[in-house]
């Protein structure tokens, strides 16, 4: 699910890949904060990788940027990539 996704089509592609790849069991918003045009959301995610049947659990930080029109124009997700990669590996 890693990659660079651009514009509205990219959002749709990311969402499609995510739903095809993992089954989200938990998506808990733990808190959020804002500073200037940035919004930060702390999340706990538990999901199962459909191809392997393995589950990963990780805290995530979503960083949203809002433009002058009040629209989201950038999104970056930070997480424990090691846990996610291991869940995607066969065996």
PDB file of N, CA and C in Angstrom:
ATOM      1  N   UNK A   1       0.814  -1.194   0.000  1.00  0.00           N
ATOM      2  CA  UNK A   1       0.000   0.000   0.000  1.00  0.00           C
ATOM      3  C   UNK A   1       0.854   1.252   0.000  1.00  0.00           C
ATOM      4  N   UNK A   2       2.147   1.090  -0.004  1.00  0.00           N
ATOM      5  CA  UNK A   2       2.981   2.289  -0.025  1.00  0.00           C
ATOM      6  C   UNK A   2       2.977   2.892  -1.418  1.00  0.00           C
ATOM      7  N   UNK A   3       3.314   4.133  -1.475  1.00  0.00           N
ATOM      8  CA  UNK A   3       3.375   4.788  -2.768  1.00  0.00           C
ATOM      9  C   UNK A   3       3.018   6.248  -2.651  1.00  0.00           C
ATOM     10  N   UNK A   4       3.040   6.894  -3.783  1.00  0.00           N
ATOM     11  CA  UNK A   4       2.629   8.288  -3.866  1.00  0.00           C
ATOM     12  C   UNK A   4       1.327   8.311  -4.642  1.00  0.00           C
ATOM     13  N   UNK A   5       0.319   8.878  -4.030  1.00  0.00           N
ATOM     14  CA  UNK A   5      -1.014   8.933  -4.629  1.00  0.00           C
ATOM     15  C   UNK A   5      -1.357  10.394  -4.813  1.00  0.00           C
ATOM     16  N   UNK A   6      -1.692  10.794  -6.025  1.00  0.00           N
ATOM     17  CA  UNK A   6      -1.920  12.215  -6.296  1.00  0.00           C
ATOM     18  C   UNK A   6      -3.339  12.461  -6.766  1.00  0.00           C
ATOM     19  N   UNK A   7      -3.882  13.573  -6.391  1.00  0.00           N
ATOM     20  CA  UNK A   7      -5.192  14.118  -6.750  1.00  0.00           C
ATOM     21  C   UNK A   7      -6.339  13.184  -6.348  1.00  0.00           C
ATOM     22  N   UNK A   8      -7.535  13.526  -6.757  1.00  0.00           N
ATOM     23  CA  UNK A   8      -8.719  12.752  -6.352  1.00  0.00           C
ATOM     24  C   UNK A   8      -8.651  11.315  -6.844  1.00  0.00           C
ATOM     25  N   UNK A   9      -8.118  11.103  -8.043  1.00  0.00           N
ATOM     26  CA  UNK A   9      -7.987   9.736  -8.550  1.00  0.00           C
ATOM     27  C   UNK A   9      -7.055   8.917  -7.667  1.00  0.00           C
ATOM     28  N   UNK A  10      -5.994   9.535  -7.190  1.00  0.00           N
ATOM     29  CA  UNK A  10      -5.053   8.858  -6.306  1.00  0.00           C
ATOM     30  C   UNK A  10      -5.690   8.447  -5.001  1.00  0.00           C
ATOM     31  N   UNK A  11      -6.542   9.303  -4.463  1.00  0.00           N
ATOM     32  CA  UNK A  11      -7.263   8.954  -3.231  1.00  0.00           C
ATOM     33  C   UNK A  11      -8.119   7.715  -3.478  1.00  0.00           C
ATOM     34  N   UNK A  12      -8.801   7.685  -4.606  1.00  0.00           N
ATOM     35  CA  UNK A  12      -9.619   6.525  -4.952  1.00  0.00           C
ATOM     36  C   UNK A  12      -8.791   5.272  -5.136  1.00  0.00           C
ATOM     37  N   UNK A  13      -7.623   5.400  -5.774  1.00  0.00           N
ATOM     38  CA  UNK A  13      -6.741   4.250  -5.974  1.00  0.00           C
ATOM     39  C   UNK A  13      -6.217   3.728  -4.644  1.00  0.00           C
ATOM     40  N   UNK A  14      -5.794   4.640  -3.759  1.00  0.00           N
ATOM     41  CA  UNK A  14      -5.305   4.234  -2.441  1.00  0.00           C
ATOM     42  C   UNK A  14      -6.388   3.479  -1.683  1.00  0.00           C
ATOM     43  N   UNK A  15      -7.581   4.029  -1.665  1.00  0.00           N
ATOM     44  CA  UNK A  15      -8.692   3.395  -0.948  1.00  0.00           C
ATOM     45  C   UNK A  15      -8.995   2.022  -1.532  1.00  0.00           C
ATOM     46  N   UNK A  16      -8.993   1.901  -2.841  1.00  0.00           N
ATOM     47  CA  UNK A  16      -9.258   0.622  -3.507  1.00  0.00           C
ATOM     48  C   UNK A  16      -8.204  -0.414  -3.124  1.00  0.00           C
ATOM     49  N   UNK A  17      -6.927  -0.037  -3.211  1.00  0.00           N
ATOM     50  CA  UNK A  17      -5.840  -0.953  -2.863  1.00  0.00           C
ATOM     51  C   UNK A  17      -5.935  -1.365  -1.403  1.00  0.00           C
ATOM     52  N   UNK A  18      -6.217  -0.405  -0.523  1.00  0.00           N
ATOM     53  CA  UNK A  18      -6.320  -0.712   0.900  1.00  0.00           C
ATOM     54  C   UNK A  18      -7.418  -1.742   1.155  1.00  0.00           C
ATOM     55  N   UNK A  19      -8.583  -1.539   0.574  1.00  0.00           N
ATOM     56  CA  UNK A  19      -9.698  -2.455   0.809  1.00  0.00           C
ATOM     57  C   UNK A  19      -9.481  -3.812   0.153  1.00  0.00           C
ATOM     58  N   UNK A  20      -8.735  -3.867  -0.928  1.00  0.00           N
ATOM     59  CA  UNK A  20      -8.418  -5.143  -1.574  1.00  0.00           C
ATOM     60  C   UNK A  20      -7.346  -5.909  -0.807  1.00  0.00           C
ATOM     61  N   UNK A  21      -6.500  -5.197  -0.061  1.00  0.00           N
ATOM     62  CA  UNK A  21      -5.325  -5.783   0.565  1.00  0.00           C
ATOM     63  C   UNK A  21      -5.535  -6.187   2.018  1.00  0.00           C
ATOM     64  N   UNK A  22      -6.235  -5.357   2.784  1.00  0.00           N
ATOM     65  CA  UNK A  22      -6.378  -5.619   4.222  1.00  0.00           C
ATOM     66  C   UNK A  22      -7.834  -5.569   4.657  1.00  0.00           C
ATOM     67  N   UNK A  23      -8.079  -6.231   5.781  1.00  0.00           N
ATOM     68  CA  UNK A  23      -9.389  -6.199   6.432  1.00  0.00           C
ATOM     69  C   UNK A  23      -9.188  -5.513   7.781  1.00  0.00           C
ATOM     70  N   UNK A  24      -9.653  -4.296   7.906  1.00  0.00           N
ATOM     71  CA  UNK A  24      -9.452  -3.514   9.128  1.00  0.00           C
ATOM     72  C   UNK A  24     -10.398  -4.017  10.215  1.00  0.00           C
ATOM     73  N   UNK A  25      -9.809  -4.425  11.336  1.00  0.00           N
ATOM     74  CA  UNK A  25     -10.584  -4.913  12.486  1.00  0.00           C
ATOM     75  C   UNK A  25     -10.868  -3.788  13.480  1.00  0.00           C
ATOM     76  N   UNK A  26      -9.874  -2.928  13.675  1.00  0.00           N
ATOM     77  CA  UNK A  26     -10.021  -1.788  14.592  1.00  0.00           C
ATOM     78  C   UNK A  26      -9.399  -0.560  13.957  1.00  0.00           C
ATOM     79  N   UNK A  27     -10.050   0.563  14.148  1.00  0.00           N
ATOM     80  CA  UNK A  27      -9.544   1.861  13.699  1.00  0.00           C
ATOM     81  C   UNK A  27      -9.987   2.851  14.760  1.00  0.00           C
ATOM     82  N   UNK A  28      -9.149   3.020  15.773  1.00  0.00           N
ATOM     83  CA  UNK A  28      -9.498   3.847  16.927  1.00  0.00           C
ATOM     84  C   UNK A  28      -8.766   5.183  16.862  1.00  0.00           C
ATOM     85  N   UNK A  29      -9.515   6.262  16.845  1.00  0.00           N
ATOM     86  CA  UNK A  29      -8.914   7.592  16.906  1.00  0.00           C
ATOM     87  C   UNK A  29      -8.616   7.889  18.370  1.00  0.00           C
ATOM     88  N   UNK A  30      -7.341   8.100  18.675  1.00  0.00           N
ATOM     89  CA  UNK A  30      -6.897   8.290  20.054  1.00  0.00           C
ATOM     90  C   UNK A  30      -6.752   9.758  20.431  1.00  0.00           C
ATOM     91  N   UNK A  31      -6.641  10.613  19.456  1.00  0.00           N
ATOM     92  CA  UNK A  31      -6.503  12.040  19.732  1.00  0.00           C
ATOM     93  C   UNK A  31      -6.111  12.780  18.477  1.00  0.00           C
ATOM     94  N   UNK A  32      -6.176  14.092  18.567  1.00  0.00           N
ATOM     95  CA  UNK A  32      -5.801  14.909  17.420  1.00  0.00           C
ATOM     96  C   UNK A  32      -5.336  16.271  17.908  1.00  0.00           C
ATOM     97  N   UNK A  33      -4.610  16.956  17.034  1.00  0.00           N
ATOM     98  CA  UNK A  33      -4.141  18.306  17.338  1.00  0.00           C
ATOM     99  C   UNK A  33      -3.993  19.055  16.022  1.00  0.00           C
ATOM    100  N   UNK A  34      -4.041  20.356  16.116  1.00  0.00           N
ATOM    101  CA  UNK A  34      -3.869  21.181  14.930  1.00  0.00           C
ATOM    102  C   UNK A  34      -2.890  22.301  15.204  1.00  0.00           C
ATOM    103  N   UNK A  35      -2.170  22.687  14.168  1.00  0.00           N
ATOM    104  CA  UNK A  35      -1.241  23.809  14.258  1.00  0.00           C
ATOM    105  C   UNK A  35      -1.148  24.440  12.878  1.00  0.00           C
ATOM    106  N   UNK A  36      -1.549  25.696  12.782  1.00  0.00           N
ATOM    107  CA  UNK A  36      -1.530  26.357  11.479  1.00  0.00           C
ATOM    108  C   UNK A  36      -2.450  25.645  10.510  1.00  0.00           C
ATOM    109  N   UNK A  37      -1.910  25.233   9.385  1.00  0.00           N
ATOM    110  CA  UNK A  37      -2.728  24.524   8.397  1.00  0.00           C
ATOM    111  C   UNK A  37      -2.513  23.010   8.449  1.00  0.00           C
ATOM    112  N   UNK A  38      -1.982  22.518   9.573  1.00  0.00           N
ATOM    113  CA  UNK A  38      -1.712  21.087   9.748  1.00  0.00           C
ATOM    114  C   UNK A  38      -2.648  20.489  10.792  1.00  0.00           C
ATOM    115  N   UNK A  39      -3.134  19.288  10.515  1.00  0.00           N
ATOM    116  CA  UNK A  39      -3.936  18.523  11.473  1.00  0.00           C
ATOM    117  C   UNK A  39      -3.250  17.174  11.656  1.00  0.00           C
ATOM    118  N   UNK A  40      -3.093  16.752  12.914  1.00  0.00           N
ATOM    119  CA  UNK A  40      -2.438  15.489  13.237  1.00  0.00           C
ATOM    120  C   UNK A  40      -3.436  14.611  13.984  1.00  0.00           C
ATOM    121  N   UNK A  41      -3.593  13.372  13.535  1.00  0.00           N
ATOM    122  CA  UNK A  41      -4.541  12.455  14.152  1.00  0.00           C
ATOM    123  C   UNK A  41      -3.789  11.197  14.568  1.00  0.00           C
ATOM    124  N   UNK A  42      -3.849  10.872  15.870  1.00  0.00           N
ATOM    125  CA  UNK A  42      -3.219   9.659  16.391  1.00  0.00           C
ATOM    126  C   UNK A  42      -4.252   8.540  16.351  1.00  0.00           C
ATOM    127  N   UNK A  43      -3.863   7.402  15.776  1.00  0.00           N
ATOM    128  CA  UNK A  43      -4.800   6.310  15.512  1.00  0.00           C
ATOM    129  C   UNK A  43      -4.170   4.990  15.929  1.00  0.00           C
ATOM    130  N   UNK A  44      -4.991   4.059  16.386  1.00  0.00           N
ATOM    131  CA  UNK A  44      -4.564   2.670  16.564  1.00  0.00           C
ATOM    132  C   UNK A  44      -5.291   1.838  15.526  1.00  0.00           C
ATOM    133  N   UNK A  45      -4.538   1.005  14.795  1.00  0.00           N
ATOM    134  CA  UNK A  45      -5.123   0.160  13.751  1.00  0.00           C
ATOM    135  C   UNK A  45      -4.749  -1.291  14.000  1.00  0.00           C
ATOM    136  N   UNK A  46      -5.743  -2.159  13.854  1.00  0.00           N
ATOM    137  CA  UNK A  46      -5.522  -3.600  13.820  1.00  0.00           C
ATOM    138  C   UNK A  46      -6.159  -4.090  12.531  1.00  0.00           C
ATOM    139  N   UNK A  47      -5.375  -4.791  11.725  1.00  0.00           N
ATOM    140  CA  UNK A  47      -5.879  -5.245  10.430  1.00  0.00           C
ATOM    141  C   UNK A  47      -5.266  -6.587  10.066  1.00  0.00           C
ATOM    142  N   UNK A  48      -5.985  -7.332   9.248  1.00  0.00           N
ATOM    143  CA  UNK A  48      -5.506  -8.613   8.744  1.00  0.00           C
ATOM    144  C   UNK A  48      -5.224  -8.479   7.254  1.00  0.00           C
ATOM    145  N   UNK A  49      -4.061  -8.957   6.844  1.00  0.00           N
ATOM    146  CA  UNK A  49      -3.692  -8.953   5.431  1.00  0.00           C
ATOM    147  C   UNK A  49      -4.410 -10.123   4.765  1.00  0.00           C
ATOM    148  N   UNK A  50      -5.209  -9.830   3.778  1.00  0.00           N
ATOM    149  CA  UNK A  50      -6.037 -10.856   3.138  1.00  0.00           C
ATOM    150  C   UNK A  50      -5.207 -11.962   2.499  1.00  0.00           C
ATOM    151  N   UNK A  51      -4.089 -11.633   1.887  1.00  0.00           N
ATOM    152  CA  UNK A  51      -3.278 -12.625   1.171  1.00  0.00           C
ATOM    153  C   UNK A  51      -2.573 -13.613   2.094  1.00  0.00           C
ATOM    154  N   UNK A  52      -2.251 -13.180   3.324  1.00  0.00           N
ATOM    155  CA  UNK A  52      -1.479 -14.042   4.227  1.00  0.00           C
ATOM    156  C   UNK A  52      -2.268 -14.508   5.442  1.00  0.00           C
ATOM    157  N   UNK A  53      -3.338 -13.813   5.767  1.00  0.00           N
ATOM    158  CA  UNK A  53      -4.094 -14.124   6.975  1.00  0.00           C
ATOM    159  C   UNK A  53      -3.431 -13.614   8.245  1.00  0.00           C
ATOM    160  N   UNK A  54      -2.312 -12.908   8.107  1.00  0.00           N
ATOM    161  CA  UNK A  54      -1.592 -12.385   9.271  1.00  0.00           C
ATOM    162  C   UNK A  54      -2.165 -11.037   9.684  1.00  0.00           C
ATOM    163  N   UNK A  55      -2.134 -10.808  10.993  1.00  0.00           N
ATOM    164  CA  UNK A  55      -2.665  -9.570  11.556  1.00  0.00           C
ATOM    165  C   UNK A  55      -1.521  -8.677  12.021  1.00  0.00           C
ATOM    166  N   UNK A  56      -1.686  -7.387  11.830  1.00  0.00           N
ATOM    167  CA  UNK A  56      -0.746  -6.429  12.403  1.00  0.00           C
ATOM    168  C   UNK A  56      -1.522  -5.440  13.260  1.00  0.00           C
ATOM    169  N   UNK A  57      -0.824  -4.917  14.261  1.00  0.00           N
ATOM    170  CA  UNK A  57      -1.358  -3.879  15.137  1.00  0.00           C
ATOM    171  C   UNK A  57      -0.316  -2.775  15.172  1.00  0.00           C
ATOM    172  N   UNK A  58      -0.762  -1.545  15.011  1.00  0.00           N
ATOM    173  CA  UNK A  58       0.188  -0.440  15.014  1.00  0.00           C
ATOM    174  C   UNK A  58      -0.501   0.872  15.372  1.00  0.00           C
ATOM    175  N   UNK A  59       0.249   1.733  16.023  1.00  0.00           N
ATOM    176  CA  UNK A  59      -0.175   3.118  16.166  1.00  0.00           C
ATOM    177  C   UNK A  59       0.178   3.819  14.867  1.00  0.00           C
ATOM    178  N   UNK A  60      -0.643   4.757  14.477  1.00  0.00           N
ATOM    179  CA  UNK A  60      -0.392   5.541  13.274  1.00  0.00           C
ATOM    180  C   UNK A  60      -0.555   7.011  13.598  1.00  0.00           C
ATOM    181  N   UNK A  61       0.099   7.822  12.808  1.00  0.00           N
ATOM    182  CA  UNK A  61      -0.114   9.255  12.864  1.00  0.00           C
ATOM    183  C   UNK A  61      -0.476   9.703  11.460  1.00  0.00           C
ATOM    184  N   UNK A  62      -1.637  10.285  11.322  1.00  0.00           N
ATOM    185  CA  UNK A  62      -2.057  10.863  10.049  1.00  0.00           C
ATOM    186  C   UNK A  62      -1.805  12.359  10.111  1.00  0.00           C
ATOM    187  N   UNK A  63      -1.127  12.875   9.121  1.00  0.00           N
ATOM    188  CA  UNK A  63      -0.803  14.299   9.033  1.00  0.00           C
ATOM    189  C   UNK A  63      -1.506  14.863   7.799  1.00  0.00           C
ATOM    190  N   UNK A  64      -2.500  15.702   8.042  1.00  0.00           N
ATOM    191  CA  UNK A  64      -3.280  16.320   6.970  1.00  0.00           C
ATOM    192  C   UNK A  64      -2.872  17.784   6.846  1.00  0.00           C
ATOM    193  N   UNK A  65      -2.753  18.268   5.619  1.00  0.00           N
ATOM    194  CA  UNK A  65      -2.498  19.677   5.355  1.00  0.00           C
ATOM    195  C   UNK A  65      -3.727  20.261   4.675  1.00  0.00           C
ATOM    196  N   UNK A  66      -4.132  21.437   5.140  1.00  0.00           N
ATOM    197  CA  UNK A  66      -5.316  22.112   4.606  1.00  0.00           C
ATOM    198  C   UNK A  66      -4.846  23.344   3.834  1.00  0.00           C
ATOM    199  N   UNK A  67      -5.395  23.542   2.634  1.00  0.00           N
ATOM    200  CA  UNK A  67      -4.998  24.710   1.837  1.00  0.00           C
ATOM    201  C   UNK A  67      -5.826  25.939   2.225  1.00  0.00           C
ATOM    202  N   UNK A  68      -5.586  27.052   1.570  1.00  0.00           N
ATOM    203  CA  UNK A  68      -6.272  28.308   1.891  1.00  0.00           C
ATOM    204  C   UNK A  68      -7.774  28.245   1.648  1.00  0.00           C
ATOM    205  N   UNK A  69      -8.221  27.323   0.809  1.00  0.00           N
ATOM    206  CA  UNK A  69      -9.659  27.155   0.541  1.00  0.00           C
ATOM    207  C   UNK A  69     -10.323  26.256   1.582  1.00  0.00           C
ATOM    208  N   UNK A  70      -9.527  25.754   2.543  1.00  0.00           N
ATOM    209  CA  UNK A  70     -10.081  24.883   3.575  1.00  0.00           C
ATOM    210  C   UNK A  70     -10.219  23.434   3.145  1.00  0.00           C
ATOM    211  N   UNK A  71      -9.545  23.065   2.063  1.00  0.00           N
ATOM    212  CA  UNK A  71      -9.618  21.698   1.548  1.00  0.00           C
ATOM    213  C   UNK A  71      -8.333  20.944   1.878  1.00  0.00           C
ATOM    214  N   UNK A  72      -8.459  19.645   2.127  1.00  0.00           N
ATOM    215  CA  UNK A  72      -7.268  18.835   2.354  1.00  0.00           C
ATOM    216  C   UNK A  72      -6.477  18.757   1.056  1.00  0.00           C
ATOM    217  N   UNK A  73      -5.186  19.069   1.131  1.00  0.00           N
ATOM    218  CA  UNK A  73      -4.359  19.059  -0.079  1.00  0.00           C
ATOM    219  C   UNK A  73      -3.161  18.123   0.039  1.00  0.00           C
ATOM    220  N   UNK A  74      -2.933  17.575   1.247  1.00  0.00           N
ATOM    221  CA  UNK A  74      -1.793  16.676   1.441  1.00  0.00           C
ATOM    222  C   UNK A  74      -2.097  15.761   2.610  1.00  0.00           C
ATOM    223  N   UNK A  75      -1.644  14.508   2.485  1.00  0.00           N
ATOM    224  CA  UNK A  75      -1.836  13.525   3.542  1.00  0.00           C
ATOM    225  C   UNK A  75      -0.594  12.649   3.614  1.00  0.00           C
ATOM    226  N   UNK A  76      -0.063  12.471   4.832  1.00  0.00           N
ATOM    227  CA  UNK A  76       1.066  11.575   5.054  1.00  0.00           C
ATOM    228  C   UNK A  76       0.698  10.677   6.226  1.00  0.00           C
ATOM    229  N   UNK A  77       0.981   9.385   6.079  1.00  0.00           N
ATOM    230  CA  UNK A  77       0.683   8.418   7.140  1.00  0.00           C
ATOM    231  C   UNK A  77       1.994   7.862   7.671  1.00  0.00           C
ATOM    232  N   UNK A  78       2.143   7.890   8.985  1.00  0.00           N
ATOM    233  CA  UNK A  78       3.317   7.339   9.646  1.00  0.00           C
ATOM    234  C   UNK A  78       2.864   6.146  10.476  1.00  0.00           C
ATOM    235  N   UNK A  79       3.607   5.032  10.399  1.00  0.00           N
ATOM    236  CA  UNK A  79       3.238   3.855  11.189  1.00  0.00           C
ATOM    237  C   UNK A  79       4.453   2.954  11.370  1.00  0.00           C
ATOM    238  N   UNK A  80       4.262   1.869  12.101  1.00  0.00           N
ATOM    239  CA  UNK A  80       5.296   0.858  12.297  1.00  0.00           C
ATOM    240  C   UNK A  80       5.362   0.016  11.030  1.00  0.00           C
ATOM    241  N   UNK A  81       6.162   0.442  10.081  1.00  0.00           N
ATOM    242  CA  UNK A  81       6.205  -0.254   8.792  1.00  0.00           C
ATOM    243  C   UNK A  81       6.726  -1.680   8.930  1.00  0.00           C
ATOM    244  N   UNK A  82       7.561  -1.953   9.930  1.00  0.00           N
ATOM    245  CA  UNK A  82       8.065  -3.309  10.134  1.00  0.00           C
ATOM    246  C   UNK A  82       6.917  -4.275  10.412  1.00  0.00           C
ATOM    247  N   UNK A  83       5.990  -3.884  11.269  1.00  0.00           N
ATOM    248  CA  UNK A  83       4.840  -4.745  11.585  1.00  0.00           C
ATOM    249  C   UNK A  83       3.975  -4.976  10.351  1.00  0.00           C
ATOM    250  N   UNK A  84       3.781  -3.943   9.569  1.00  0.00           N
ATOM    251  CA  UNK A  84       2.943  -4.047   8.368  1.00  0.00           C
ATOM    252  C   UNK A  84       3.618  -4.937   7.329  1.00  0.00           C
ATOM    253  N   UNK A  85       4.913  -4.742   7.106  1.00  0.00           N
ATOM    254  CA  UNK A  85       5.649  -5.554   6.130  1.00  0.00           C
ATOM    255  C   UNK A  85       5.644  -7.019   6.544  1.00  0.00           C
ATOM    256  N   UNK A  86       5.907  -7.304   7.814  1.00  0.00           N
ATOM    257  CA  UNK A  86       5.921  -8.699   8.282  1.00  0.00           C
ATOM    258  C   UNK A  86       4.570  -9.369   8.075  1.00  0.00           C
ATOM    259  N   UNK A  87       3.493  -8.643   8.265  1.00  0.00           N
ATOM    260  CA  UNK A  87       2.159  -9.215   8.067  1.00  0.00           C
ATOM    261  C   UNK A  87       1.900  -9.519   6.596  1.00  0.00           C
ATOM    262  N   UNK A  88       2.543  -8.805   5.701  1.00  0.00           N
ATOM    263  CA  UNK A  88       2.382  -9.036   4.262  1.00  0.00           C
ATOM    264  C   UNK A  88       3.256 -10.177   3.740  1.00  0.00           C
ATOM    265  N   UNK A  89       4.247 -10.602   4.524  1.00  0.00           N
ATOM    266  CA  UNK A  89       5.161 -11.645   4.065  1.00  0.00           C
ATOM    267  C   UNK A  89       4.559 -13.026   4.268  1.00  0.00           C
ATOM    268  N   UNK A  90       4.689 -13.863   3.265  1.00  0.00           N
ATOM    269  CA  UNK A  90       4.195 -15.243   3.365  1.00  0.00           C
ATOM    270  C   UNK A  90       5.087 -16.043   4.311  1.00  0.00           C
ATOM    271  N   UNK A  91       4.499 -17.101   4.868  1.00  0.00           N
ATOM    272  CA  UNK A  91       5.298 -18.009   5.701  1.00  0.00           C
ATOM    273  C   UNK A  91       5.116 -17.868   7.155  1.00  0.00           C
TER     274      UNK A  91
END
